[in-house]
Amino acid sequence: MNDFEKKEMTTKALKSLAADSFLRELFISSKVFQDFLKPAANRYIVGGNYSELFERLKNLENIGYNTGVEFAGEEASSISEVNTIVNEYLNLIDRIEDGIESKPQLGFDLSNLGSGISKEIAILNCEKICEKAIKKDISIIISMERSKWTDIILDIFFALRKKFSNLGITLQAQLNRTDDDIKDVLKTGCKIRLVKGVYDESRKISLPRGSKLDKRYLEILTNIANNNNIFAYATQDPKLVEMIRGEGIHKKGEHEMLHGVRPELIKSSRDFFTIKPRIACVYGYNWYLHFMHRLAESPENIYQAFNDIYLNGRINNLYNHQY
């Protein structure tokens, strides 16, 4: 087995652990489990409460970044859980100051808003958030999830985009269907966030990581840029970013990256290019899935994770200094 095959196997294993319902429920119920992983997760999770979140957002904005915010979690399975998440976003919007020049972009999974329970519940909840956000000139971008949710996500997006000009959508380059989906999305004039896609999907419907996926990503992004849509190329891949810069596409859209992942790369976008990049920040308590996906994206991060666990908080403020 060569190094590439080992990396692929490790990535698949980490994605499987991320999706394991037993481990996800154990994480929520076990403070011991949470405390063990927390020093490593702190690299990617900006805080557990509003005070920590807004302090980090202010620091990032002061040094030249736009920001995005998402409350950690995915696939809420009960009405009470969904209501908690919706209220979290409504309260968050209340706490975002009026009149400031740079407001964070809000993002969420529709499965967190009830799409797994019913489409109607998700539409109602998304509408509540969009209505409150648009009054404060706050943009919203819907995340993309596992392929089984793609149809319902797009259905909800198309229904609500007619009412809310502040609503955008994420698309996954790895899915074969995205070449067709993009045609209707472009017609809406919305902001589009293009990602590679982090989920472990069947090869019948998706491309694996590699040169073919990079080529497709670049083709889709070029199509978006040529249609004059507002867009973000959301990637942590230095090779792909270099390709995007080589084609000059970086001059038309923003570079978005997740907090804690390759900060030197997003810093280079801030220092050398004209469009202000965006750092997407995740906060909250249900961060197991987000953390595991960050490890799965680059299995080498496992070494850093164990080092962070070993140091156990003795590297205070490291994450701000990296940017």
Protein backbone atom coordinates (compact mmCIF):
# COMPACT_ATOMS: atom_id res chain seq x y z
CA MET A 1 0.00 0.00 0.00
CA ASN A 2 1.50 3.34 -1.07
CA ASP A 3 1.27 6.64 0.83
CA PHE A 4 -1.66 7.91 -1.26
CA GLU A 5 -3.66 4.74 -0.60
CA LYS A 6 -2.91 4.98 3.13
CA LYS A 7 -4.09 8.59 3.17
CA GLU A 8 -7.29 7.69 1.31
CA MET A 9 -7.99 4.86 3.74
CA THR A 10 -7.41 7.14 6.75
CA THR A 11 -9.69 9.80 5.28
CA LYS A 12 -12.44 7.26 4.72
CA ALA A 13 -12.06 5.94 8.27
CA LEU A 14 -12.27 9.45 9.76
CA LYS A 15 -15.38 10.26 7.72
CA SER A 16 -16.93 7.01 8.92
CA LEU A 17 -16.18 7.94 12.54
CA ALA A 18 -17.65 11.41 11.92
CA ALA A 19 -20.90 9.89 10.64
CA ASP A 20 -21.17 7.25 13.38
CA SER A 21 -24.39 8.02 15.26
CA PHE A 22 -23.23 6.22 18.42
CA LEU A 23 -20.08 8.32 18.68
CA ARG A 24 -21.99 11.53 17.96
CA GLU A 25 -24.49 10.77 20.71
CA LEU A 26 -21.69 9.73 23.06
CA PHE A 27 -19.97 13.05 22.43
CA ILE A 28 -23.08 15.01 23.43
CA SER A 29 -23.63 12.97 26.59
CA SER A 30 -20.02 12.56 27.75
CA LYS A 31 -18.16 15.54 29.20
CA VAL A 32 -15.06 13.34 29.48
CA PHE A 33 -15.11 12.71 25.73
CA GLN A 34 -15.64 16.44 25.04
CA ASP A 35 -12.88 17.53 27.41
CA PHE A 36 -10.43 15.07 25.86
CA LEU A 37 -10.94 16.42 22.32
CA LYS A 38 -11.46 20.09 23.20
CA PRO A 39 -7.79 21.23 23.16
CA ALA A 40 -7.50 19.95 19.58
CA ALA A 41 -10.93 21.21 18.53
CA ASN A 42 -10.11 24.74 19.79
CA ARG A 43 -8.03 25.18 16.65
CA TYR A 44 -11.24 25.01 14.58
CA ILE A 45 -14.01 26.07 17.00
CA VAL A 46 -13.86 29.77 17.89
CA GLY A 47 -15.82 29.55 21.12
CA GLY A 48 -18.69 28.09 23.04
CA ASN A 49 -20.60 31.32 23.71
CA TYR A 50 -21.35 34.77 22.29
CA SER A 51 -18.58 36.51 24.22
CA GLU A 52 -15.87 34.23 22.84
CA LEU A 53 -17.37 34.32 19.35
CA PHE A 54 -17.62 38.10 19.01
CA GLU A 55 -14.17 38.63 20.48
CA ARG A 56 -12.68 36.35 17.80
CA LEU A 57 -14.76 37.93 15.02
CA LYS A 58 -13.64 41.42 16.04
CA ASN A 59 -9.99 40.35 16.09
CA LEU A 60 -10.23 38.85 12.61
CA GLU A 61 -12.07 41.85 11.18
CA ASN A 62 -9.50 44.23 12.68
CA ILE A 63 -6.68 42.50 10.81
CA GLY A 64 -8.36 42.53 7.43
CA TYR A 65 -10.80 39.64 7.05
CA ASN A 66 -14.49 39.31 6.37
CA THR A 67 -16.08 36.68 8.59
CA GLY A 68 -18.73 34.01 8.51
CA VAL A 69 -20.51 32.36 11.41
CA GLU A 70 -22.12 28.95 11.80
CA PHE A 71 -23.55 27.34 14.94
CA ALA A 72 -22.06 23.85 15.24
CA GLY A 73 -24.28 20.87 14.55
CA GLU A 74 -25.96 18.83 11.85
CA GLU A 75 -29.04 16.69 11.22
CA ALA A 76 -31.17 17.72 14.20
CA SER A 77 -33.62 14.90 14.87
CA SER A 78 -36.21 16.44 17.20
CA ILE A 79 -38.42 19.52 17.20
CA SER A 80 -36.94 20.69 20.49
CA GLU A 81 -33.40 20.46 19.08
CA VAL A 82 -34.45 22.31 15.91
CA ASN A 83 -36.14 25.06 17.95
CA THR A 84 -32.99 25.50 20.04
CA ILE A 85 -30.90 25.98 16.90
CA VAL A 86 -33.36 28.38 15.25
CA ASN A 87 -33.56 30.48 18.41
CA GLU A 88 -29.77 30.50 18.56
CA TYR A 89 -29.60 32.11 15.11
CA LEU A 90 -32.35 34.60 15.91
CA ASN A 91 -30.56 35.62 19.12
CA LEU A 92 -27.26 35.82 17.25
CA ILE A 93 -28.75 38.24 14.72
CA ASP A 94 -30.04 40.41 17.59
CA ARG A 95 -26.49 40.66 18.93
CA ILE A 96 -24.91 41.75 15.65
CA GLU A 97 -24.47 45.51 15.85
CA ASP A 98 -26.38 47.84 13.52
CA GLY A 99 -24.40 50.25 11.40
CA ILE A 100 -21.09 48.37 11.35
CA GLU A 101 -19.38 48.21 7.97
CA SER A 102 -18.51 44.51 7.99
CA LYS A 103 -21.16 42.13 9.27
CA PRO A 104 -20.60 38.37 9.49
CA GLN A 105 -22.23 36.15 6.91
CA LEU A 106 -24.42 33.51 8.56
CA GLY A 107 -24.47 29.90 7.40
CA PHE A 108 -26.35 26.76 8.42
CA ASP A 109 -27.38 23.25 7.39
CA LEU A 110 -31.07 22.93 6.59
CA SER A 111 -31.06 19.58 8.42
CA ASN A 112 -30.42 21.67 11.54
CA LEU A 113 -33.57 23.64 10.76
CA GLY A 114 -35.78 20.57 10.47
CA SER A 115 -35.51 19.31 6.88
CA GLY A 116 -35.11 15.77 8.20
CA ILE A 117 -38.47 16.10 9.94
CA SER A 118 -40.35 17.89 7.18
CA LYS A 119 -39.64 20.22 4.30
CA GLU A 120 -42.31 22.63 5.54
CA ILE A 121 -40.68 23.00 8.96
CA ALA A 122 -37.31 23.78 7.38
CA ILE A 123 -38.86 26.38 5.05
CA LEU A 124 -40.65 28.08 7.93
CA ASN A 125 -37.52 28.20 10.09
CA CYS A 126 -35.25 29.36 7.29
CA GLU A 127 -37.77 32.07 6.46
CA LYS A 128 -37.74 33.32 10.07
CA ILE A 129 -33.96 33.66 10.01
CA CYS A 130 -33.85 35.30 6.57
CA GLU A 131 -36.55 37.81 7.48
CA LYS A 132 -34.72 38.94 10.58
CA ALA A 133 -31.33 38.97 8.85
CA ILE A 134 -32.40 41.00 5.81
CA LYS A 135 -33.62 43.82 8.06
CA LYS A 136 -30.05 44.14 9.35
CA ASP A 137 -28.44 43.70 5.93
CA ILE A 138 -26.94 40.36 6.97
CA SER A 139 -26.31 37.78 4.26
CA ILE A 140 -27.22 34.11 4.63
CA ILE A 141 -25.65 31.18 2.82
CA ILE A 142 -27.15 27.69 3.00
CA SER A 143 -24.64 24.88 3.39
CA MET A 144 -24.69 21.73 1.29
CA GLU A 145 -24.94 18.33 2.99
CA ARG A 146 -24.86 14.64 2.08
CA SER A 147 -26.15 13.85 -1.41
CA LYS A 148 -29.40 12.38 -0.05
CA TRP A 149 -30.35 15.93 1.02
CA THR A 150 -29.40 17.77 -2.19
CA ASP A 151 -32.85 17.81 -3.81
CA ILE A 152 -34.66 19.11 -0.73
CA ILE A 153 -31.94 21.71 -0.07
CA LEU A 154 -32.21 23.08 -3.60
CA ASP A 155 -36.02 23.00 -3.51
CA ILE A 156 -36.05 25.07 -0.32
CA PHE A 157 -33.41 27.44 -1.64
CA PHE A 158 -35.27 28.11 -4.91
CA ALA A 159 -38.53 28.69 -3.03
CA LEU A 160 -37.02 31.20 -0.59
CA ARG A 161 -34.60 32.96 -2.94
CA LYS A 162 -37.64 34.50 -4.67
CA LYS A 163 -38.39 36.34 -1.41
CA PHE A 164 -34.94 37.00 0.03
CA SER A 165 -32.16 38.71 -1.90
CA ASN A 166 -29.76 38.04 1.01
CA LEU A 167 -29.93 34.25 0.51
CA GLY A 168 -27.14 32.28 -1.19
CA ILE A 169 -26.27 28.61 -1.67
CA THR A 170 -23.31 26.24 -1.43
CA LEU A 171 -22.58 23.70 -4.18
CA GLN A 172 -20.25 20.69 -4.10
CA ALA A 173 -17.93 20.18 -7.07
CA GLN A 174 -17.49 16.49 -6.23
CA LEU A 175 -21.12 15.65 -7.11
CA ASN A 176 -21.66 14.82 -10.79
CA ARG A 177 -25.07 16.53 -10.73
CA THR A 178 -23.58 19.94 -9.92
CA ASP A 179 -22.82 20.55 -13.62
CA ASP A 180 -26.61 20.57 -14.16
CA ASP A 181 -27.64 22.16 -10.85
CA ILE A 182 -25.44 25.19 -11.48
CA LYS A 183 -27.51 26.21 -14.53
CA ASP A 184 -30.64 26.93 -12.49
CA VAL A 185 -28.72 28.39 -9.54
CA LEU A 186 -26.95 30.92 -11.79
CA LYS A 187 -30.32 32.22 -12.99
CA THR A 188 -31.23 33.34 -9.46
CA GLY A 189 -28.34 35.83 -9.32
CA CYS A 190 -27.48 34.66 -5.80
CA LYS A 191 -24.10 34.39 -4.15
CA ILE A 192 -22.63 30.93 -4.75
CA ARG A 193 -20.09 29.28 -2.46
CA LEU A 194 -18.26 26.48 -4.26
CA VAL A 195 -16.67 23.71 -2.18
CA LYS A 196 -15.08 20.42 -3.17
CA GLY A 197 -17.33 18.46 -0.80
CA VAL A 198 -16.29 16.69 2.37
CA TYR A 199 -18.76 13.78 2.46
CA ASP A 200 -17.90 10.20 1.56
CA GLU A 201 -20.12 9.70 -1.50
CA SER A 202 -20.50 6.81 -3.92
CA ARG A 203 -18.19 6.89 -6.94
CA LYS A 204 -21.31 6.43 -9.09
CA ILE A 205 -22.41 9.97 -8.27
CA SER A 206 -19.17 11.77 -7.38
CA LEU A 207 -15.48 12.23 -8.08
CA PRO A 208 -12.78 11.37 -5.52
CA ARG A 209 -10.15 13.91 -4.49
CA GLY A 210 -7.55 14.36 -7.21
CA SER A 211 -6.77 16.09 -10.49
CA LYS A 212 -10.15 15.31 -12.09
CA LEU A 213 -12.00 16.96 -9.20
CA ASP A 214 -9.66 19.97 -9.29
CA LYS A 215 -10.33 20.35 -13.03
CA ARG A 216 -14.10 20.16 -12.51
CA TYR A 217 -13.94 22.65 -9.64
CA LEU A 218 -12.04 25.12 -11.83
CA GLU A 219 -14.49 24.67 -14.72
CA ILE A 220 -17.55 25.27 -12.51
CA LEU A 221 -15.89 28.29 -10.87
CA THR A 222 -15.02 29.76 -14.27
CA ASN A 223 -18.64 29.33 -15.33
CA ILE A 224 -19.83 31.17 -12.21
CA ALA A 225 -17.32 34.00 -12.68
CA ASN A 226 -18.22 34.41 -16.37
CA ASN A 227 -21.89 34.82 -15.41
CA ASN A 228 -21.01 37.71 -13.08
CA ASN A 229 -22.49 36.07 -9.98
CA ILE A 230 -21.09 36.96 -6.57
CA PHE A 231 -19.12 33.94 -5.47
CA ALA A 232 -16.68 32.46 -3.00
CA TYR A 233 -14.14 29.79 -3.78
CA ALA A 234 -14.14 27.94 -0.47
CA THR A 235 -11.10 25.70 -0.41
CA GLN A 236 -8.15 24.90 1.83
CA ASP A 237 -6.19 23.26 -1.01
CA PRO A 238 -3.04 25.31 -1.83
CA LYS A 239 -2.67 23.63 -5.24
CA LEU A 240 -6.24 24.50 -6.23
CA VAL A 241 -5.87 28.06 -4.96
CA GLU A 242 -2.76 28.43 -7.10
CA MET A 243 -4.72 27.21 -10.13
CA ILE A 244 -7.49 29.72 -9.41
CA ARG A 245 -4.96 32.53 -9.12
CA GLY A 246 -3.27 31.38 -12.32
CA GLU A 247 -6.56 31.76 -14.20
CA GLY A 248 -7.16 35.21 -12.67
CA ILE A 249 -10.48 34.10 -11.13
CA HIS A 250 -9.36 35.32 -7.70
CA LYS A 251 -9.86 38.89 -8.96
CA LYS A 252 -13.63 38.32 -9.27
CA GLY A 253 -14.56 36.41 -6.10
CA GLU A 254 -13.59 36.00 -2.47
CA HIS A 255 -11.43 33.27 -1.02
CA GLU A 256 -13.16 31.62 1.96
CA MET A 257 -11.53 29.24 4.41
CA LEU A 258 -12.50 27.64 7.70
CA HIS A 259 -10.94 28.98 10.87
CA GLY A 260 -7.86 27.08 11.98
CA VAL A 261 -7.12 25.37 8.67
CA ARG A 262 -3.90 26.46 6.92
CA PRO A 263 -4.02 30.07 8.16
CA GLU A 264 -0.93 30.91 6.11
CA LEU A 265 -2.93 30.29 2.91
CA ILE A 266 -5.81 32.66 3.71
CA LYS A 267 -3.24 35.17 4.95
CA SER A 268 -1.61 35.14 1.52
CA SER A 269 -4.98 35.95 -0.04
CA ARG A 270 -5.33 38.90 2.32
CA ASP A 271 -1.82 40.22 1.77
CA PHE A 272 -1.48 39.94 -2.00
CA PHE A 273 -4.93 40.17 -3.57
CA THR A 274 -7.59 42.84 -3.82
CA ILE A 275 -10.80 41.09 -2.69
CA LYS A 276 -10.97 40.73 1.09
CA PRO A 277 -11.00 37.01 2.03
CA ARG A 278 -13.47 35.50 4.48
CA ILE A 279 -12.76 33.26 7.47
CA ALA A 280 -15.71 31.02 8.32
CA CYS A 281 -16.01 30.55 12.09
CA VAL A 282 -17.87 27.74 13.83
CA TYR A 283 -18.97 28.14 17.44
CA GLY A 284 -21.12 26.25 19.94
CA TYR A 285 -21.04 22.96 21.81
CA ASN A 286 -21.97 20.26 19.25
CA TRP A 287 -18.71 20.40 17.29
CA TYR A 288 -17.80 16.70 16.98
CA LEU A 289 -18.75 16.39 13.29
CA HIS A 290 -17.02 19.63 12.29
CA PHE A 291 -13.85 18.62 14.12
CA MET A 292 -13.73 15.12 12.59
CA HIS A 293 -14.25 16.52 9.09
CA ARG A 294 -11.29 18.85 9.54
CA LEU A 295 -9.12 15.84 10.36
CA ALA A 296 -10.56 13.87 7.43
CA GLU A 297 -9.72 16.66 4.97
CA SER A 298 -6.02 16.39 5.86
CA PRO A 299 -5.20 13.26 7.88
CA GLU A 300 -1.80 14.80 8.72
CA ASN A 301 -3.79 17.06 11.07
CA ILE A 302 -4.08 14.06 13.40
CA TYR A 303 -0.48 14.71 14.48
CA GLN A 304 -1.33 18.33 15.28
CA ALA A 305 -4.49 17.25 17.11
CA PHE A 306 -2.59 14.94 19.45
CA ASN A 307 0.01 17.62 20.01
CA ASP A 308 -2.75 20.10 20.95
CA ILE A 309 -4.26 17.52 23.33
CA TYR A 310 -0.85 16.98 24.90
CA LEU A 311 -0.28 20.74 25.34
CA ASN A 312 -3.86 21.01 26.68
CA GLY A 313 -4.40 24.73 26.38
CA ARG A 314 -0.83 25.82 27.11
CA ILE A 315 -0.70 27.64 23.79
CA ASN A 316 -3.20 30.39 24.56
CA ASN A 317 -3.92 32.88 21.74
CA LEU A 318 -1.96 30.84 19.19
CA TYR A 319 -4.83 30.87 16.73
CA ASN A 320 -5.14 34.66 16.60
CA HIS A 321 -1.39 35.07 16.09
CA GLN A 322 -1.39 32.71 13.09
CA TYR A 323 -3.45 35.20 11.09
